Full PDB file with SEQRES, HELIX, SHEET, SSBOND, CRYST1, ORIGX, SCALE, CONECT and MASTER records, all heavy atoms in Angstrom:
SEQRES   1 A   33  GLU GLY TYR TYR LYS ILE ASP LYS LYS ASP LYS LEU LYS          
SEQRES   2 A   33  TYR LEU ASN ASN SER ARG ALA PHE ALA GLU GLU PRO PRO          
SEQRES   3 A   33  ALA ASP THR GLN VAL ARG THR                                  
HELIX    1 AA1 LYS A    8  GLU A   23  1                                  16    
CRYST1    1.000    1.000    1.000  90.00  90.00  90.00 P 1           1          
ORIGX1      1.000000  0.000000  0.000000        0.00000                         
ORIGX2      0.000000  1.000000  0.000000        0.00000                         
ORIGX3      0.000000  0.000000  1.000000        0.00000                         
SCALE1      1.000000  0.000000  0.000000        0.00000                         
SCALE2      0.000000  1.000000  0.000000        0.00000                         
SCALE3      0.000000  0.000000  1.000000        0.00000                         
ATOM      1  N   GLU A   1       0.822  -1.213  -0.006  1.00  0.00           N  
ATOM      2  CA  GLU A   1      -0.003   0.006  -0.005  1.00  0.00           C  
ATOM      3  C   GLU A   1       0.851   1.259  -0.016  1.00  0.00           C  
ATOM      4  O   GLU A   1       0.293   2.349   0.031  1.00  0.00           O  
ATOM      5  CB  GLU A   1      -0.924   0.011   1.182  1.00  0.00           C  
ATOM      6  CG  GLU A   1      -1.933  -1.135   1.174  1.00  0.00           C  
ATOM      7  CD  GLU A   1      -2.965  -1.040   2.290  1.00  0.00           C  
ATOM      8  OE1 GLU A   1      -2.970   0.013   2.958  1.00  0.00           O  
ATOM      9  OE2 GLU A   1      -3.718  -2.014   2.446  1.00  0.00           O  
ATOM     10  N   GLY A   2       2.144   1.169   0.013  1.00  0.00           N  
ATOM     11  CA  GLY A   2       2.986   2.320  -0.071  1.00  0.00           C  
ATOM     12  C   GLY A   2       3.055   3.080   1.240  1.00  0.00           C  
ATOM     13  O   GLY A   2       2.649   2.589   2.318  1.00  0.00           O  
ATOM     14  N   TYR A   3       3.521   4.305   1.145  1.00  0.00           N  
ATOM     15  CA  TYR A   3       3.679   5.115   2.344  1.00  0.00           C  
ATOM     16  C   TYR A   3       2.385   5.826   2.717  1.00  0.00           C  
ATOM     17  O   TYR A   3       1.694   6.368   1.822  1.00  0.00           O  
ATOM     18  CB  TYR A   3       4.799   6.199   2.086  1.00  0.00           C  
ATOM     19  CG  TYR A   3       4.908   7.237   3.153  1.00  0.00           C  
ATOM     20  CD1 TYR A   3       5.555   6.950   4.375  1.00  0.00           C  
ATOM     21  CD2 TYR A   3       4.345   8.490   3.009  1.00  0.00           C  
ATOM     22  CE1 TYR A   3       5.669   7.873   5.353  1.00  0.00           C  
ATOM     23  CE2 TYR A   3       4.442   9.439   3.997  1.00  0.00           C  
ATOM     24  CZ  TYR A   3       5.116   9.143   5.191  1.00  0.00           C  
ATOM     25  OH  TYR A   3       5.213  10.064   6.144  1.00  0.00           O  
ATOM     26  N   TYR A   4       2.044   5.856   3.964  1.00  0.00           N  
ATOM     27  CA  TYR A   4       0.909   6.570   4.439  1.00  0.00           C  
ATOM     28  C   TYR A   4       1.190   7.039   5.879  1.00  0.00           C  
ATOM     29  O   TYR A   4       1.971   6.431   6.578  1.00  0.00           O  
ATOM     30  CB  TYR A   4      -0.371   5.759   4.358  1.00  0.00           C  
ATOM     31  CG  TYR A   4      -0.291   4.430   5.150  1.00  0.00           C  
ATOM     32  CD1 TYR A   4      -0.614   4.388   6.490  1.00  0.00           C  
ATOM     33  CD2 TYR A   4       0.087   3.245   4.493  1.00  0.00           C  
ATOM     34  CE1 TYR A   4      -0.534   3.217   7.196  1.00  0.00           C  
ATOM     35  CE2 TYR A   4       0.195   2.077   5.184  1.00  0.00           C  
ATOM     36  CZ  TYR A   4      -0.147   2.054   6.535  1.00  0.00           C  
ATOM     37  OH  TYR A   4      -0.049   0.881   7.250  1.00  0.00           O  
ATOM     38  N   LYS A   5       0.573   8.114   6.230  1.00  0.00           N  
ATOM     39  CA  LYS A   5       0.787   8.691   7.561  1.00  0.00           C  
ATOM     40  C   LYS A   5      -0.135   8.000   8.565  1.00  0.00           C  
ATOM     41  O   LYS A   5      -1.271   7.610   8.261  1.00  0.00           O  
ATOM     42  CB  LYS A   5       0.513  10.182   7.499  1.00  0.00           C  
ATOM     43  CG  LYS A   5       1.506  10.984   6.684  1.00  0.00           C  
ATOM     44  CD  LYS A   5       1.277  12.502   6.830  1.00  0.00           C  
ATOM     45  CE  LYS A   5       1.653  12.930   8.265  1.00  0.00           C  
ATOM     46  NZ  LYS A   5       1.574  14.398   8.417  1.00  0.00           N  
ATOM     47  N   ILE A   6       0.407   7.921   9.782  1.00  0.00           N  
ATOM     48  CA  ILE A   6      -0.372   7.362  10.871  1.00  0.00           C  
ATOM     49  C   ILE A   6      -0.713   8.544  11.838  1.00  0.00           C  
ATOM     50  O   ILE A   6       0.162   9.393  12.084  1.00  0.00           O  
ATOM     51  CB  ILE A   6       0.439   6.278  11.615  1.00  0.00           C  
ATOM     52  CG1 ILE A   6       0.819   5.140  10.645  1.00  0.00           C  
ATOM     53  CG2 ILE A   6      -0.347   5.726  12.789  1.00  0.00           C  
ATOM     54  CD1 ILE A   6       1.690   4.076  11.280  1.00  0.00           C  
ATOM     55  N   ASP A   7      -1.947   8.566  12.282  1.00  0.00           N  
ATOM     56  CA  ASP A   7      -2.355   9.595  13.191  1.00  0.00           C  
ATOM     57  C   ASP A   7      -1.522   9.523  14.474  1.00  0.00           C  
ATOM     58  O   ASP A   7      -1.062   8.456  14.909  1.00  0.00           O  
ATOM     59  CB  ASP A   7      -3.838   9.433  13.525  1.00  0.00           C  
ATOM     60  CG  ASP A   7      -4.710   9.667  12.329  1.00  0.00           C  
ATOM     61  OD1 ASP A   7      -4.230  10.304  11.366  1.00  0.00           O  
ATOM     62  OD2 ASP A   7      -5.838   9.172  12.345  1.00  0.00           O  
ATOM     63  N   LYS A   8      -1.299  10.711  15.055  1.00  0.00           N  
ATOM     64  CA  LYS A   8      -0.513  10.738  16.301  1.00  0.00           C  
ATOM     65  C   LYS A   8      -1.174  10.004  17.419  1.00  0.00           C  
ATOM     66  O   LYS A   8      -0.519   9.342  18.242  1.00  0.00           O  
ATOM     67  CB  LYS A   8      -0.284  12.219  16.686  1.00  0.00           C  
ATOM     68  CG  LYS A   8       0.632  12.990  15.762  1.00  0.00           C  
ATOM     69  CD  LYS A   8       0.906  14.403  16.273  1.00  0.00           C  
ATOM     70  CE  LYS A   8       1.900  15.098  15.347  1.00  0.00           C  
ATOM     71  NZ  LYS A   8       2.175  16.476  15.871  1.00  0.00           N  
ATOM     72  N   LYS A   9      -2.475  10.014  17.447  1.00  0.00           N  
ATOM     73  CA  LYS A   9      -3.201   9.297  18.496  1.00  0.00           C  
ATOM     74  C   LYS A   9      -2.943   7.795  18.374  1.00  0.00           C  
ATOM     75  O   LYS A   9      -2.678   7.079  19.353  1.00  0.00           O  
ATOM     76  CB  LYS A   9      -4.683   9.571  18.449  1.00  0.00           C  
ATOM     77  CG  LYS A   9      -5.043  11.018  18.770  1.00  0.00           C  
ATOM     78  CD  LYS A   9      -6.536  11.228  18.714  1.00  0.00           C  
ATOM     79  CE  LYS A   9      -6.933  12.652  19.061  1.00  0.00           C  
ATOM     80  NZ  LYS A   9      -8.374  12.880  19.012  1.00  0.00           N  
ATOM     81  N   ASP A  10      -3.035   7.262  17.117  1.00  0.00           N  
ATOM     82  CA  ASP A  10      -2.780   5.865  16.924  1.00  0.00           C  
ATOM     83  C   ASP A  10      -1.335   5.503  17.243  1.00  0.00           C  
ATOM     84  O   ASP A  10      -1.048   4.417  17.795  1.00  0.00           O  
ATOM     85  CB  ASP A  10      -3.122   5.483  15.478  1.00  0.00           C  
ATOM     86  CG  ASP A  10      -4.595   5.662  15.168  1.00  0.00           C  
ATOM     87  OD1 ASP A  10      -5.385   5.714  16.135  1.00  0.00           O  
ATOM     88  OD2 ASP A  10      -4.952   5.824  13.989  1.00  0.00           O  
ATOM     89  N   LYS A  11      -0.410   6.405  16.828  1.00  0.00           N  
ATOM     90  CA  LYS A  11       0.996   6.137  17.065  1.00  0.00           C  
ATOM     91  C   LYS A  11       1.310   6.081  18.567  1.00  0.00           C  
ATOM     92  O   LYS A  11       2.019   5.185  19.074  1.00  0.00           O  
ATOM     93  CB  LYS A  11       1.846   7.169  16.367  1.00  0.00           C  
ATOM     94  CG  LYS A  11       3.322   6.852  16.382  1.00  0.00           C  
ATOM     95  CD  LYS A  11       4.128   7.976  15.748  1.00  0.00           C  
ATOM     96  CE  LYS A  11       3.873   8.072  14.296  1.00  0.00           C  
ATOM     97  NZ  LYS A  11       4.745   9.084  13.634  1.00  0.00           N  
ATOM     98  N   LEU A  12       0.753   7.059  19.321  1.00  0.00           N  
ATOM     99  CA  LEU A  12       1.018   7.082  20.756  1.00  0.00           C  
ATOM    100  C   LEU A  12       0.392   5.870  21.420  1.00  0.00           C  
ATOM    101  O   LEU A  12       0.948   5.323  22.372  1.00  0.00           O  
ATOM    102  CB  LEU A  12       0.432   8.362  21.331  1.00  0.00           C  
ATOM    103  CG  LEU A  12       1.199   9.672  21.049  1.00  0.00           C  
ATOM    104  CD1 LEU A  12       0.448  10.875  21.566  1.00  0.00           C  
ATOM    105  CD2 LEU A  12       2.596   9.598  21.623  1.00  0.00           C  
ATOM    106  N   LYS A  13      -0.785   5.487  20.930  1.00  0.00           N  
ATOM    107  CA  LYS A  13      -1.450   4.301  21.513  1.00  0.00           C  
ATOM    108  C   LYS A  13      -0.622   3.065  21.298  1.00  0.00           C  
ATOM    109  O   LYS A  13      -0.426   2.208  22.182  1.00  0.00           O  
ATOM    110  CB  LYS A  13      -2.821   4.148  20.929  1.00  0.00           C  
ATOM    111  CG  LYS A  13      -3.647   3.062  21.564  1.00  0.00           C  
ATOM    112  CD  LYS A  13      -5.035   3.029  21.028  1.00  0.00           C  
ATOM    113  CE  LYS A  13      -5.890   1.922  21.683  1.00  0.00           C  
ATOM    114  NZ  LYS A  13      -7.271   1.872  21.138  1.00  0.00           N  
ATOM    115  N   TYR A  14      -0.073   2.943  20.100  1.00  0.00           N  
ATOM    116  CA  TYR A  14       0.772   1.789  19.795  1.00  0.00           C  
ATOM    117  C   TYR A  14       2.057   1.776  20.609  1.00  0.00           C  
ATOM    118  O   TYR A  14       2.494   0.769  21.175  1.00  0.00           O  
ATOM    119  CB  TYR A  14       1.110   1.744  18.328  1.00  0.00           C  
ATOM    120  CG  TYR A  14       2.120   0.712  17.919  1.00  0.00           C  
ATOM    121  CD1 TYR A  14       1.784  -0.625  17.863  1.00  0.00           C  
ATOM    122  CD2 TYR A  14       3.434   1.092  17.643  1.00  0.00           C  
ATOM    123  CE1 TYR A  14       2.743  -1.571  17.537  1.00  0.00           C  
ATOM    124  CE2 TYR A  14       4.365   0.144  17.291  1.00  0.00           C  
ATOM    125  CZ  TYR A  14       4.017  -1.206  17.246  1.00  0.00           C  
ATOM    126  OH  TYR A  14       4.956  -2.127  16.917  1.00  0.00           O  
ATOM    127  N   LEU A  15       2.709   2.947  20.722  1.00  0.00           N  
ATOM    128  CA  LEU A  15       3.944   3.051  21.502  1.00  0.00           C  
ATOM    129  C   LEU A  15       3.747   2.750  22.960  1.00  0.00           C  
ATOM    130  O   LEU A  15       4.527   2.087  23.583  1.00  0.00           O  
ATOM    131  CB  LEU A  15       4.586   4.446  21.323  1.00  0.00           C  
ATOM    132  CG  LEU A  15       5.135   4.786  19.924  1.00  0.00           C  
ATOM    133  CD1 LEU A  15       5.592   6.195  19.841  1.00  0.00           C  
ATOM    134  CD2 LEU A  15       6.256   3.814  19.558  1.00  0.00           C  
ATOM    135  N   ASN A  16       2.620   3.295  23.493  1.00  0.00           N  
ATOM    136  CA  ASN A  16       2.340   3.041  24.909  1.00  0.00           C  
ATOM    137  C   ASN A  16       2.107   1.563  25.181  1.00  0.00           C  
ATOM    138  O   ASN A  16       2.530   0.993  26.174  1.00  0.00           O  
ATOM    139  CB  ASN A  16       1.153   3.861  25.363  1.00  0.00           C  
ATOM    140  CG  ASN A  16       1.471   5.384  25.398  1.00  0.00           C  
ATOM    141  OD1 ASN A  16       2.607   5.717  25.600  1.00  0.00           O  
ATOM    142  ND2 ASN A  16       0.422   6.203  25.195  1.00  0.00           N  
ATOM    143  N   ASN A  17       1.364   0.925  24.255  1.00  0.00           N  
ATOM    144  CA  ASN A  17       1.107  -0.523  24.424  1.00  0.00           C  
ATOM    145  C   ASN A  17       2.366  -1.357  24.362  1.00  0.00           C  
ATOM    146  O   ASN A  17       2.594  -2.252  25.144  1.00  0.00           O  
ATOM    147  CB  ASN A  17       0.088  -0.996  23.363  1.00  0.00           C  
ATOM    148  CG  ASN A  17      -1.286  -0.397  23.612  1.00  0.00           C  
ATOM    149  OD1 ASN A  17      -1.637  -0.044  24.725  1.00  0.00           O  
ATOM    150  ND2 ASN A  17      -2.111  -0.321  22.530  1.00  0.00           N  
ATOM    151  N   SER A  18       3.226  -0.989  23.362  1.00  0.00           N  
ATOM    152  CA  SER A  18       4.491  -1.777  23.221  1.00  0.00           C  
ATOM    153  C   SER A  18       5.416  -1.512  24.385  1.00  0.00           C  
ATOM    154  O   SER A  18       6.113  -2.434  24.860  1.00  0.00           O  
ATOM    155  CB  SER A  18       5.140  -1.432  21.909  1.00  0.00           C  
ATOM    156  OG  SER A  18       5.480  -0.051  21.855  1.00  0.00           O  
ATOM    157  N   ARG A  19       5.437  -0.279  24.893  1.00  0.00           N  
ATOM    158  CA  ARG A  19       6.359   0.039  26.020  1.00  0.00           C  
ATOM    159  C   ARG A  19       5.869  -0.647  27.293  1.00  0.00           C  
ATOM    160  O   ARG A  19       6.664  -1.190  28.057  1.00  0.00           O  
ATOM    161  CB  ARG A  19       6.421   1.553  26.248  1.00  0.00           C  
ATOM    162  CG  ARG A  19       7.462   1.973  27.224  1.00  0.00           C  
ATOM    163  CD  ARG A  19       7.518   3.498  27.366  1.00  0.00           C  
ATOM    164  NE  ARG A  19       7.922   4.131  26.115  1.00  0.00           N  
ATOM    165  CZ  ARG A  19       7.162   5.006  25.456  1.00  0.00           C  
ATOM    166  NH1 ARG A  19       5.983   5.349  25.944  1.00  0.00           N  
ATOM    167  NH2 ARG A  19       7.580   5.535  24.319  1.00  0.00           N  
ATOM    168  N   ALA A  20       4.571  -0.676  27.485  1.00  0.00           N  
ATOM    169  CA  ALA A  20       4.041  -1.351  28.651  1.00  0.00           C  
ATOM    170  C   ALA A  20       4.269  -2.869  28.569  1.00  0.00           C  
ATOM    171  O   ALA A  20       4.578  -3.514  29.590  1.00  0.00           O  
ATOM    172  CB  ALA A  20       2.536  -1.079  28.837  1.00  0.00           C  
ATOM    173  N   PHE A  21       4.224  -3.405  27.372  1.00  0.00           N  
ATOM    174  CA  PHE A  21       4.458  -4.870  27.216  1.00  0.00           C  
ATOM    175  C   PHE A  21       5.926  -5.152  27.478  1.00  0.00           C  
ATOM    176  O   PHE A  21       6.292  -6.175  28.042  1.00  0.00           O  
ATOM    177  CB  PHE A  21       4.076  -5.248  25.823  1.00  0.00           C  
ATOM    178  CG  PHE A  21       4.336  -6.747  25.541  1.00  0.00           C  
ATOM    179  CD1 PHE A  21       3.494  -7.705  26.046  1.00  0.00           C  
ATOM    180  CD2 PHE A  21       5.415  -7.111  24.783  1.00  0.00           C  
ATOM    181  CE1 PHE A  21       3.761  -9.056  25.798  1.00  0.00           C  
ATOM    182  CE2 PHE A  21       5.729  -8.407  24.530  1.00  0.00           C  
ATOM    183  CZ  PHE A  21       4.849  -9.401  25.032  1.00  0.00           C  
ATOM    184  N   ALA A  22       6.801  -4.243  27.035  1.00  0.00           N  
ATOM    185  CA  ALA A  22       8.233  -4.472  27.228  1.00  0.00           C  
ATOM    186  C   ALA A  22       8.669  -4.336  28.676  1.00  0.00           C  
ATOM    187  O   ALA A  22       9.586  -5.008  29.148  1.00  0.00           O  
ATOM    188  CB  ALA A  22       9.053  -3.531  26.344  1.00  0.00           C  
ATOM    189  N   GLU A  23       7.996  -3.441  29.435  1.00  0.00           N  
ATOM    190  CA  GLU A  23       8.385  -3.228  30.804  1.00  0.00           C  
ATOM    191  C   GLU A  23       7.829  -4.315  31.723  1.00  0.00           C  
ATOM    192  O   GLU A  23       8.281  -4.448  32.854  1.00  0.00           O  
ATOM    193  CB  GLU A  23       7.923  -1.840  31.267  1.00  0.00           C  
ATOM    194  CG  GLU A  23       8.676  -0.708  30.601  1.00  0.00           C  
ATOM    195  CD  GLU A  23       8.163   0.612  31.037  1.00  0.00           C  
ATOM    196  OE1 GLU A  23       7.118   0.687  31.772  1.00  0.00           O  
ATOM    197  OE2 GLU A  23       8.722   1.669  30.625  1.00  0.00           O  
ATOM    198  N   GLU A  24       6.811  -5.025  31.326  1.00  0.00           N  
ATOM    199  CA  GLU A  24       6.260  -6.057  32.168  1.00  0.00           C  
ATOM    200  C   GLU A  24       7.201  -7.239  32.250  1.00  0.00           C  
ATOM    201  O   GLU A  24       7.501  -7.873  31.234  1.00  0.00           O  
ATOM    202  CB  GLU A  24       4.904  -6.518  31.640  1.00  0.00           C  
ATOM    203  CG  GLU A  24       3.795  -5.506  31.839  1.00  0.00           C  
ATOM    204  CD  GLU A  24       2.452  -6.048  31.389  1.00  0.00           C  
ATOM    205  OE1 GLU A  24       2.447  -7.217  30.910  1.00  0.00           O  
ATOM    206  OE2 GLU A  24       1.456  -5.306  31.455  1.00  0.00           O  
ATOM    207  N   PRO A  25       7.694  -7.584  33.423  1.00  0.00           N  
ATOM    208  CA  PRO A  25       8.555  -8.786  33.521  1.00  0.00           C  
ATOM    209  C   PRO A  25       7.786 -10.054  33.404  1.00  0.00           C  
ATOM    210  O   PRO A  25       6.574 -10.111  33.761  1.00  0.00           O  
ATOM    211  CB  PRO A  25       9.172  -8.618  34.927  1.00  0.00           C  
ATOM    212  CG  PRO A  25       8.151  -7.859  35.683  1.00  0.00           C  
ATOM    213  CD  PRO A  25       7.484  -6.966  34.697  1.00  0.00           C  
ATOM    214  N   PRO A  26       8.371 -11.104  32.898  1.00  0.00           N  
ATOM    215  CA  PRO A  26       7.656 -12.385  32.826  1.00  0.00           C  
ATOM    216  C   PRO A  26       7.314 -12.869  34.241  1.00  0.00           C  
ATOM    217  O   PRO A  26       7.959 -12.544  35.237  1.00  0.00           O  
ATOM    218  CB  PRO A  26       8.697 -13.327  32.163  1.00  0.00           C  
ATOM    219  CG  PRO A  26       9.624 -12.395  31.478  1.00  0.00           C  
ATOM    220  CD  PRO A  26       9.663 -11.169  32.294  1.00  0.00           C  
ATOM    221  N   ALA A  27       6.183 -13.582  34.274  1.00  0.00           N  
ATOM    222  CA  ALA A  27       5.676 -14.050  35.593  1.00  0.00           C  
ATOM    223  C   ALA A  27       6.575 -15.053  36.241  1.00  0.00           C  
ATOM    224  O   ALA A  27       6.718 -15.107  37.469  1.00  0.00           O  
ATOM    225  CB  ALA A  27       4.271 -14.597  35.412  1.00  0.00           C  
ATOM    226  N   ASP A  28       7.277 -15.903  35.468  1.00  0.00           N  
ATOM    227  CA  ASP A  28       8.074 -16.967  35.993  1.00  0.00           C  
ATOM    228  C   ASP A  28       9.505 -16.585  36.159  1.00  0.00           C  
ATOM    229  O   ASP A  28      10.345 -17.482  36.475  1.00  0.00           O  
ATOM    230  CB  ASP A  28       7.952 -18.220  35.130  1.00  0.00           C  
ATOM    231  CG  ASP A  28       8.365 -17.926  33.696  1.00  0.00           C  
ATOM    232  OD1 ASP A  28       8.415 -16.712  33.340  1.00  0.00           O  
ATOM    233  OD2 ASP A  28       8.625 -18.898  32.935  1.00  0.00           O  
ATOM    234  N   THR A  29       9.895 -15.361  35.908  1.00  0.00           N  
ATOM    235  CA  THR A  29      11.284 -14.940  36.018  1.00  0.00           C  
ATOM    236  C   THR A  29      11.388 -13.889  37.143  1.00  0.00           C  
ATOM    237  O   THR A  29      10.430 -13.228  37.504  1.00  0.00           O  
ATOM    238  CB  THR A  29      11.818 -14.342  34.716  1.00  0.00           C  
ATOM    239  OG1 THR A  29      10.985 -13.261  34.338  1.00  0.00           O  
ATOM    240  CG2 THR A  29      11.825 -15.389  33.603  1.00  0.00           C  
ATOM    241  N   GLN A  30      12.622 -13.756  37.620  1.00  0.00           N  
ATOM    242  CA  GLN A  30      12.870 -12.813  38.711  1.00  0.00           C  
ATOM    243  C   GLN A  30      13.306 -11.482  38.122  1.00  0.00           C  
ATOM    244  O   GLN A  30      14.049 -11.399  37.143  1.00  0.00           O  
ATOM    245  CB  GLN A  30      14.003 -13.367  39.615  1.00  0.00           C  
ATOM    246  CG  GLN A  30      14.097 -12.715  40.952  1.00  0.00           C  
ATOM    247  CD  GLN A  30      15.113 -13.413  41.826  1.00  0.00           C  
ATOM    248  OE1 GLN A  30      15.963 -14.124  41.305  1.00  0.00           O  
ATOM    249  NE2 GLN A  30      15.038 -13.201  43.114  1.00  0.00           N  
ATOM    250  N   VAL A  31      12.869 -10.418  38.735  1.00  0.00           N  
ATOM    251  CA  VAL A  31      13.193  -9.076  38.254  1.00  0.00           C  
ATOM    252  C   VAL A  31      14.643  -8.747  38.608  1.00  0.00           C  
ATOM    253  O   VAL A  31      15.032  -8.866  39.752  1.00  0.00           O  
ATOM    254  CB  VAL A  31      12.253  -8.005  38.892  1.00  0.00           C  
ATOM    255  CG1 VAL A  31      12.628  -6.629  38.394  1.00  0.00           C  
ATOM    256  CG2 VAL A  31      10.827  -8.308  38.525  1.00  0.00           C  
ATOM    257  N   ARG A  32      15.416  -8.364  37.617  1.00  0.00           N  
ATOM    258  CA  ARG A  32      16.840  -8.025  37.791  1.00  0.00           C  
ATOM    259  C   ARG A  32      17.061  -6.580  37.488  1.00  0.00           C  
ATOM    260  O   ARG A  32      16.582  -6.065  36.475  1.00  0.00           O  
ATOM    261  CB  ARG A  32      17.728  -8.909  36.876  1.00  0.00           C  
ATOM    262  CG  ARG A  32      17.599 -10.382  37.148  1.00  0.00           C  
ATOM    263  CD  ARG A  32      18.498 -11.150  36.216  1.00  0.00           C  
ATOM    264  NE  ARG A  32      18.358 -12.607  36.475  1.00  0.00           N  
ATOM    265  CZ  ARG A  32      19.036 -13.518  35.752  1.00  0.00           C  
ATOM    266  NH1 ARG A  32      19.822 -13.149  34.753  1.00  0.00           N  
ATOM    267  NH2 ARG A  32      18.862 -14.810  36.047  1.00  0.00           N  
ATOM    268  N   THR A  33      17.800  -5.925  38.302  1.00  0.00           N  
ATOM    269  CA  THR A  33      18.162  -4.516  38.114  1.00  0.00           C  
ATOM    270  C   THR A  33      19.605  -4.456  37.673  1.00  0.00           C  
ATOM    271  O   THR A  33      20.520  -5.050  38.268  1.00  0.00           O  
ATOM    272  CB  THR A  33      17.989  -3.705  39.441  1.00  0.00           C  
ATOM    273  OG1 THR A  33      18.771  -4.304  40.446  1.00  0.00           O  
ATOM    274  CG2 THR A  33      16.500  -3.737  39.850  1.00  0.00           C  
TER     275      THR A  33                                                      
MASTER        0    0    0    1    0    0    0    6  274    1    0    3          
END                                                                             
């Protein structure tokens, strides 16, 4: 479909979802700092 613009609202929603998913530690692993 070529290049098309994504609305800022959709982009922020996608980034927030992906960031929250990345920050969530797995349930069966221990959190390491």
